[in-house]
Amino acid sequence: MEIKIPSIPEQQRFIFEQATREAIRQLEQNLTAPTVQDLVIDESQYSTEHLLPEGRWKPPHADVVYAYIEQFKRHSDYKTDKAVAEFLGFRGNNAERRLRAYREGSESPPFGVWRRLLVATGRVPQEIIPVIAFMR
């Protein structure tokens, strides 16, 4: 009895296709997220440069960081600083300390971390990067 096993490139392509289908499903589900309007600051008092794409963005004011994180905690399953830090990709013993530093303004969040929060809170769309080719 012979068992035909797909080649590694065929297996990789299958995994890529499945992940892409799942991503499309998630993007469509994102469109049905509820609207929440309980931000505790007046955003018109701050620059909107923290919403711009990489290369043009400026780090957000600490008041904005604090308000966005607190609103995120109120309306998600991530209710603690530790949970938010993990969601944003922080690992290790100083994860909560780093988040606190961003909220207090002693440090600015890196673009990738900030962008993840913006996407999760519906403030900017998810960036989709085109695949040029399946290069081997």
N, C-alpha and C. Protein backbone atom coordinates (compact mmCIF):
# COMPACT_ATOMS: atom_id res chain seq x y z
N MET A 1 0.84 -1.18 0.00
CA MET A 1 0.00 0.00 0.00
C MET A 1 0.89 1.24 0.00
N GLU A 2 0.59 2.15 -0.89
CA GLU A 2 1.37 3.37 -1.01
C GLU A 2 0.52 4.54 -0.53
N ILE A 3 1.12 5.35 0.31
CA ILE A 3 0.45 6.56 0.81
C ILE A 3 1.13 7.75 0.18
N LYS A 4 0.35 8.52 -0.55
CA LYS A 4 0.91 9.70 -1.22
C LYS A 4 0.85 10.89 -0.26
N ILE A 5 2.01 11.40 0.07
CA ILE A 5 2.12 12.55 0.97
C ILE A 5 2.51 13.76 0.13
N PRO A 6 1.77 14.85 0.29
CA PRO A 6 2.12 16.06 -0.48
C PRO A 6 3.54 16.54 -0.13
N SER A 7 4.15 17.17 -1.09
CA SER A 7 5.49 17.72 -0.87
C SER A 7 5.43 18.82 0.19
N ILE A 8 6.58 19.17 0.72
CA ILE A 8 6.65 20.26 1.72
C ILE A 8 6.10 21.56 1.15
N PRO A 9 6.49 21.97 -0.07
CA PRO A 9 5.90 23.20 -0.62
C PRO A 9 4.37 23.11 -0.75
N GLU A 10 3.84 21.94 -1.13
CA GLU A 10 2.39 21.79 -1.21
C GLU A 10 1.75 21.91 0.17
N GLN A 11 2.38 21.32 1.17
CA GLN A 11 1.87 21.43 2.54
C GLN A 11 1.90 22.88 3.03
N GLN A 12 3.00 23.58 2.73
CA GLN A 12 3.11 24.98 3.13
C GLN A 12 2.05 25.83 2.45
N ARG A 13 1.80 25.56 1.18
CA ARG A 13 0.77 26.31 0.44
C ARG A 13 -0.61 26.06 1.04
N PHE A 14 -0.90 24.82 1.41
CA PHE A 14 -2.17 24.48 2.03
C PHE A 14 -2.35 25.25 3.34
N ILE A 15 -1.30 25.28 4.16
CA ILE A 15 -1.35 26.01 5.44
C ILE A 15 -1.57 27.50 5.18
N PHE A 16 -0.88 28.05 4.20
CA PHE A 16 -1.04 29.46 3.84
C PHE A 16 -2.48 29.75 3.43
N GLU A 17 -3.04 28.89 2.60
CA GLU A 17 -4.42 29.09 2.14
C GLU A 17 -5.41 29.02 3.30
N GLN A 18 -5.23 28.09 4.20
CA GLN A 18 -6.12 27.97 5.35
C GLN A 18 -6.01 29.19 6.26
N ALA A 19 -4.80 29.66 6.49
CA ALA A 19 -4.59 30.84 7.34
C ALA A 19 -5.20 32.08 6.68
N THR A 20 -5.10 32.19 5.36
CA THR A 20 -5.68 33.33 4.66
C THR A 20 -7.20 33.30 4.75
N ARG A 21 -7.79 32.13 4.59
CA ARG A 21 -9.26 32.01 4.72
C ARG A 21 -9.70 32.41 6.13
N GLU A 22 -8.95 31.99 7.14
CA GLU A 22 -9.27 32.34 8.52
C GLU A 22 -9.13 33.86 8.73
N ALA A 23 -8.12 34.45 8.14
CA ALA A 23 -7.92 35.89 8.25
C ALA A 23 -9.08 36.65 7.60
N ILE A 24 -9.54 36.19 6.45
CA ILE A 24 -10.68 36.82 5.78
C ILE A 24 -11.92 36.71 6.67
N ARG A 25 -12.13 35.54 7.26
CA ARG A 25 -13.27 35.36 8.16
C ARG A 25 -13.20 36.34 9.32
N GLN A 26 -12.00 36.50 9.90
CA GLN A 26 -11.84 37.42 11.02
C GLN A 26 -12.06 38.87 10.60
N LEU A 27 -11.56 39.25 9.43
CA LEU A 27 -11.77 40.62 8.94
C LEU A 27 -13.26 40.91 8.75
N GLU A 28 -13.99 39.93 8.21
CA GLU A 28 -15.44 40.12 8.04
C GLU A 28 -16.13 40.20 9.39
N GLN A 29 -15.71 39.40 10.33
CA GLN A 29 -16.30 39.46 11.68
C GLN A 29 -15.99 40.81 12.33
N ASN A 30 -14.81 41.36 12.08
CA ASN A 30 -14.43 42.66 12.64
C ASN A 30 -15.41 43.76 12.24
N LEU A 31 -16.00 43.63 11.06
CA LEU A 31 -16.94 44.64 10.58
C LEU A 31 -18.23 44.69 11.40
N THR A 32 -18.48 43.65 12.18
CA THR A 32 -19.71 43.60 12.98
C THR A 32 -19.46 43.97 14.44
N ALA A 33 -18.27 44.42 14.77
CA ALA A 33 -17.97 44.81 16.15
C ALA A 33 -18.86 45.98 16.57
N PRO A 34 -19.23 46.03 17.84
CA PRO A 34 -20.08 47.13 18.30
C PRO A 34 -19.33 48.46 18.32
N THR A 35 -20.08 49.54 18.33
CA THR A 35 -19.51 50.88 18.47
C THR A 35 -19.62 51.29 19.94
N VAL A 36 -18.53 51.78 20.48
CA VAL A 36 -18.47 52.21 21.87
C VAL A 36 -18.04 53.68 21.89
N GLN A 37 -18.74 54.51 22.62
CA GLN A 37 -18.41 55.93 22.67
C GLN A 37 -18.34 56.41 24.12
N ASP A 38 -17.34 55.94 24.83
CA ASP A 38 -17.19 56.36 26.22
C ASP A 38 -15.75 56.71 26.57
N LEU A 39 -15.03 57.28 25.61
CA LEU A 39 -13.65 57.69 25.86
C LEU A 39 -13.67 58.83 26.88
N VAL A 40 -12.79 58.76 27.85
CA VAL A 40 -12.83 59.71 28.97
C VAL A 40 -12.03 61.00 28.72
N ILE A 41 -11.53 61.18 27.51
CA ILE A 41 -10.84 62.43 27.17
C ILE A 41 -11.46 63.01 25.92
N ASP A 42 -11.22 64.29 25.70
CA ASP A 42 -11.65 64.96 24.48
C ASP A 42 -10.49 64.87 23.49
N GLU A 43 -10.61 63.95 22.54
CA GLU A 43 -9.51 63.73 21.59
C GLU A 43 -9.21 64.94 20.72
N SER A 44 -10.14 65.85 20.58
CA SER A 44 -9.89 67.01 19.74
C SER A 44 -8.81 67.92 20.34
N GLN A 45 -8.48 67.71 21.60
CA GLN A 45 -7.44 68.50 22.26
C GLN A 45 -6.03 67.96 21.98
N TYR A 46 -5.94 66.86 21.22
CA TYR A 46 -4.66 66.21 20.96
C TYR A 46 -4.45 66.03 19.46
N SER A 47 -3.21 65.92 19.07
CA SER A 47 -2.86 65.64 17.69
C SER A 47 -3.40 64.26 17.29
N THR A 48 -3.66 64.09 16.00
CA THR A 48 -4.08 62.78 15.50
C THR A 48 -2.92 62.06 14.80
N GLU A 49 -1.72 62.56 14.95
CA GLU A 49 -0.57 61.96 14.27
C GLU A 49 -0.29 60.54 14.76
N HIS A 50 -0.81 60.19 15.92
CA HIS A 50 -0.62 58.82 16.43
C HIS A 50 -1.45 57.81 15.65
N LEU A 51 -2.32 58.27 14.76
CA LEU A 51 -3.15 57.38 13.94
C LEU A 51 -2.55 57.14 12.55
N LEU A 52 -1.49 57.86 12.22
CA LEU A 52 -0.90 57.78 10.89
C LEU A 52 -0.11 56.49 10.71
N PRO A 53 0.14 56.09 9.45
CA PRO A 53 0.94 54.89 9.19
C PRO A 53 2.41 55.09 9.56
N GLU A 54 3.10 53.98 9.67
CA GLU A 54 4.52 54.01 10.03
C GLU A 54 5.28 54.91 9.06
N GLY A 55 6.23 55.64 9.57
CA GLY A 55 6.97 56.58 8.74
C GLY A 55 6.40 57.99 8.84
N ARG A 56 5.13 58.10 9.21
CA ARG A 56 4.50 59.41 9.34
C ARG A 56 3.92 59.62 10.75
N TRP A 57 3.83 58.55 11.51
CA TRP A 57 3.18 58.65 12.83
C TRP A 57 4.10 59.31 13.84
N LYS A 58 3.48 59.85 14.84
CA LYS A 58 4.19 60.39 16.00
C LYS A 58 3.64 59.65 17.22
N PRO A 59 4.47 59.35 18.21
CA PRO A 59 3.97 58.66 19.41
C PRO A 59 2.84 59.44 20.06
N PRO A 60 1.88 58.72 20.62
CA PRO A 60 0.72 59.39 21.23
C PRO A 60 1.07 60.05 22.55
N HIS A 61 0.29 61.05 22.90
CA HIS A 61 0.40 61.69 24.21
C HIS A 61 0.01 60.66 25.27
N ALA A 62 0.61 60.75 26.44
CA ALA A 62 0.33 59.80 27.52
C ALA A 62 -1.14 59.79 27.91
N ASP A 63 -1.82 60.93 27.84
CA ASP A 63 -3.25 60.96 28.15
C ASP A 63 -4.05 60.08 27.19
N VAL A 64 -3.64 60.10 25.93
CA VAL A 64 -4.32 59.30 24.90
C VAL A 64 -4.05 57.81 25.16
N VAL A 65 -2.79 57.48 25.44
CA VAL A 65 -2.44 56.08 25.75
C VAL A 65 -3.28 55.59 26.92
N TYR A 66 -3.30 56.36 27.97
CA TYR A 66 -4.04 55.97 29.17
C TYR A 66 -5.52 55.77 28.85
N ALA A 67 -6.13 56.71 28.15
CA ALA A 67 -7.56 56.64 27.85
C ALA A 67 -7.88 55.45 26.95
N TYR A 68 -7.06 55.21 25.93
CA TYR A 68 -7.32 54.09 25.02
C TYR A 68 -7.20 52.75 25.76
N ILE A 69 -6.17 52.63 26.59
CA ILE A 69 -5.98 51.37 27.32
C ILE A 69 -7.13 51.13 28.30
N GLU A 70 -7.53 52.15 29.02
CA GLU A 70 -8.62 51.99 29.98
C GLU A 70 -9.93 51.64 29.27
N GLN A 71 -10.20 52.26 28.14
CA GLN A 71 -11.41 51.95 27.37
C GLN A 71 -11.34 50.50 26.86
N PHE A 72 -10.18 50.10 26.38
CA PHE A 72 -9.97 48.72 25.91
C PHE A 72 -10.25 47.73 27.04
N LYS A 73 -9.75 48.02 28.22
CA LYS A 73 -9.96 47.14 29.37
C LYS A 73 -11.45 47.04 29.73
N ARG A 74 -12.17 48.13 29.64
CA ARG A 74 -13.61 48.13 29.99
C ARG A 74 -14.44 47.29 29.03
N HIS A 75 -14.00 47.21 27.75
CA HIS A 75 -14.85 46.60 26.73
C HIS A 75 -14.25 45.35 26.10
N SER A 76 -13.30 44.72 26.74
CA SER A 76 -12.69 43.50 26.21
C SER A 76 -12.57 42.48 27.34
N ASP A 77 -12.04 41.35 27.00
CA ASP A 77 -11.76 40.33 28.01
C ASP A 77 -10.44 40.58 28.72
N TYR A 78 -9.74 41.62 28.34
CA TYR A 78 -8.43 41.96 28.90
C TYR A 78 -8.61 43.03 29.96
N LYS A 79 -8.93 42.63 31.16
CA LYS A 79 -9.36 43.55 32.22
C LYS A 79 -8.21 44.07 33.09
N THR A 80 -7.05 43.47 33.00
CA THR A 80 -5.93 43.87 33.86
C THR A 80 -4.78 44.37 33.00
N ASP A 81 -3.87 45.12 33.63
CA ASP A 81 -2.68 45.56 32.90
C ASP A 81 -1.88 44.36 32.40
N LYS A 82 -1.80 43.33 33.20
CA LYS A 82 -1.06 42.13 32.80
C LYS A 82 -1.67 41.52 31.53
N ALA A 83 -3.00 41.40 31.50
CA ALA A 83 -3.67 40.84 30.33
C ALA A 83 -3.49 41.72 29.10
N VAL A 84 -3.58 43.04 29.28
CA VAL A 84 -3.37 43.97 28.15
C VAL A 84 -1.94 43.85 27.64
N ALA A 85 -0.99 43.82 28.56
CA ALA A 85 0.43 43.70 28.17
C ALA A 85 0.66 42.43 27.36
N GLU A 86 0.07 41.32 27.79
CA GLU A 86 0.22 40.07 27.04
C GLU A 86 -0.44 40.18 25.67
N PHE A 87 -1.62 40.78 25.60
CA PHE A 87 -2.30 40.97 24.32
C PHE A 87 -1.42 41.78 23.36
N LEU A 88 -0.75 42.78 23.89
CA LEU A 88 0.10 43.64 23.06
C LEU A 88 1.44 43.01 22.70
N GLY A 89 1.70 41.83 23.25
CA GLY A 89 2.91 41.09 22.88
C GLY A 89 4.06 41.20 23.83
N PHE A 90 3.86 41.82 24.99
CA PHE A 90 4.93 41.91 25.98
C PHE A 90 5.09 40.57 26.68
N ARG A 91 6.31 40.20 26.93
CA ARG A 91 6.61 38.96 27.65
C ARG A 91 7.61 39.27 28.75
N GLY A 92 7.59 38.47 29.76
CA GLY A 92 8.59 38.61 30.82
C GLY A 92 8.07 39.35 32.03
N ASN A 93 8.99 39.50 32.98
CA ASN A 93 8.64 40.08 34.28
C ASN A 93 8.33 41.58 34.23
N ASN A 94 8.83 42.27 33.24
CA ASN A 94 8.64 43.73 33.21
C ASN A 94 7.51 44.17 32.27
N ALA A 95 6.66 43.25 31.85
CA ALA A 95 5.60 43.57 30.89
C ALA A 95 4.66 44.65 31.42
N GLU A 96 4.19 44.47 32.64
CA GLU A 96 3.27 45.46 33.21
C GLU A 96 3.97 46.79 33.45
N ARG A 97 5.24 46.74 33.81
CA ARG A 97 6.00 47.97 34.03
C ARG A 97 6.14 48.76 32.74
N ARG A 98 6.37 48.06 31.63
CA ARG A 98 6.47 48.75 30.34
C ARG A 98 5.14 49.41 29.97
N LEU A 99 4.05 48.68 30.17
CA LEU A 99 2.73 49.25 29.88
C LEU A 99 2.49 50.49 30.74
N ARG A 100 2.83 50.41 31.99
CA ARG A 100 2.66 51.54 32.92
C ARG A 100 3.50 52.74 32.45
N ALA A 101 4.71 52.48 31.99
CA ALA A 101 5.58 53.56 31.51
C ALA A 101 4.95 54.27 30.31
N TYR A 102 4.27 53.54 29.44
CA TYR A 102 3.59 54.16 28.30
C TYR A 102 2.41 55.00 28.78
N ARG A 103 1.65 54.46 29.72
CA ARG A 103 0.48 55.16 30.23
C ARG A 103 0.86 56.43 30.99
N GLU A 104 1.98 56.39 31.69
CA GLU A 104 2.42 57.54 32.47
C GLU A 104 3.18 58.55 31.63
N GLY A 105 3.63 58.14 30.44
CA GLY A 105 4.34 59.05 29.55
C GLY A 105 5.84 59.07 29.73
N SER A 106 6.39 58.21 30.58
CA SER A 106 7.85 58.19 30.74
C SER A 106 8.53 57.49 29.56
N GLU A 107 7.76 56.70 28.79
CA GLU A 107 8.24 56.07 27.56
C GLU A 107 7.12 56.15 26.53
N SER A 108 7.51 56.14 25.25
CA SER A 108 6.52 56.09 24.17
C SER A 108 6.41 54.66 23.67
N PRO A 109 5.19 54.21 23.37
CA PRO A 109 5.06 52.85 22.85
C PRO A 109 5.67 52.75 21.46
N PRO A 110 6.30 51.62 21.13
CA PRO A 110 6.79 51.43 19.77
C PRO A 110 5.63 51.33 18.79
N PHE A 111 5.89 51.65 17.55
CA PHE A 111 4.84 51.69 16.54
C PHE A 111 4.03 50.39 16.50
N GLY A 112 4.69 49.24 16.44
CA GLY A 112 3.98 47.96 16.30
C GLY A 112 3.04 47.69 17.46
N VAL A 113 3.48 47.97 18.66
CA VAL A 113 2.64 47.78 19.85
C VAL A 113 1.44 48.71 19.79
N TRP A 114 1.69 49.98 19.49
CA TRP A 114 0.63 50.97 19.43
C TRP A 114 -0.36 50.62 18.32
N ARG A 115 0.15 50.22 17.18
CA ARG A 115 -0.71 49.90 16.04
C ARG A 115 -1.64 48.73 16.37
N ARG A 116 -1.13 47.73 17.10
CA ARG A 116 -1.95 46.59 17.49
C ARG A 116 -3.15 47.06 18.32
N LEU A 117 -2.92 47.98 19.24
CA LEU A 117 -4.01 48.52 20.05
C LEU A 117 -4.99 49.31 19.17
N LEU A 118 -4.47 50.10 18.24
CA LEU A 118 -5.34 50.88 17.36
C LEU A 118 -6.22 49.98 16.50
N VAL A 119 -5.65 48.91 15.96
CA VAL A 119 -6.44 47.98 15.15
C VAL A 119 -7.49 47.29 16.01
N ALA A 120 -7.10 46.82 17.18
CA ALA A 120 -8.03 46.11 18.07
C ALA A 120 -9.17 46.99 18.54
N THR A 121 -8.95 48.29 18.58
CA THR A 121 -10.00 49.20 19.02
C THR A 121 -10.72 49.88 17.85
N GLY A 122 -10.47 49.40 16.64
CA GLY A 122 -11.19 49.90 15.47
C GLY A 122 -10.85 51.32 15.07
N ARG A 123 -9.70 51.80 15.50
CA ARG A 123 -9.32 53.18 15.17
C ARG A 123 -8.58 53.28 13.84
N VAL A 124 -7.97 52.18 13.42
CA VAL A 124 -7.31 52.12 12.11
C VAL A 124 -7.58 50.73 11.52
N PRO A 125 -7.59 50.63 10.19
CA PRO A 125 -7.81 49.31 9.59
C PRO A 125 -6.55 48.44 9.67
N GLN A 126 -6.78 47.15 9.61
CA GLN A 126 -5.69 46.18 9.58
C GLN A 126 -4.95 46.35 8.26
N GLU A 127 -3.65 46.37 8.31
CA GLU A 127 -2.87 46.47 7.08
C GLU A 127 -2.75 45.08 6.45
N ILE A 128 -3.06 45.00 5.18
CA ILE A 128 -2.93 43.75 4.44
C ILE A 128 -1.81 43.95 3.42
N ILE A 129 -0.80 43.12 3.51
CA ILE A 129 0.37 43.24 2.65
C ILE A 129 0.24 42.25 1.50
N PRO A 130 0.43 42.70 0.27
CA PRO A 130 0.29 41.78 -0.86
C PRO A 130 1.43 40.76 -0.89
N VAL A 131 1.08 39.55 -1.32
CA VAL A 131 2.10 38.51 -1.55
C VAL A 131 2.57 38.67 -3.00
N ILE A 132 3.85 38.86 -3.16
CA ILE A 132 4.43 39.07 -4.49
C ILE A 132 4.53 37.73 -5.24
N ALA A 133 4.95 36.71 -4.52
CA ALA A 133 5.10 35.37 -5.10
C ALA A 133 5.35 34.40 -3.96
N PHE A 134 5.17 33.11 -4.22
CA PHE A 134 5.56 32.09 -3.26
C PHE A 134 6.98 31.70 -3.63
N MET A 135 7.90 32.30 -2.93
CA MET A 135 9.32 32.13 -3.26
C MET A 135 9.92 31.01 -2.44
N ARG A 136 10.68 30.15 -3.08
CA ARG A 136 11.30 29.00 -2.43
C ARG A 136 12.79 29.05 -2.56
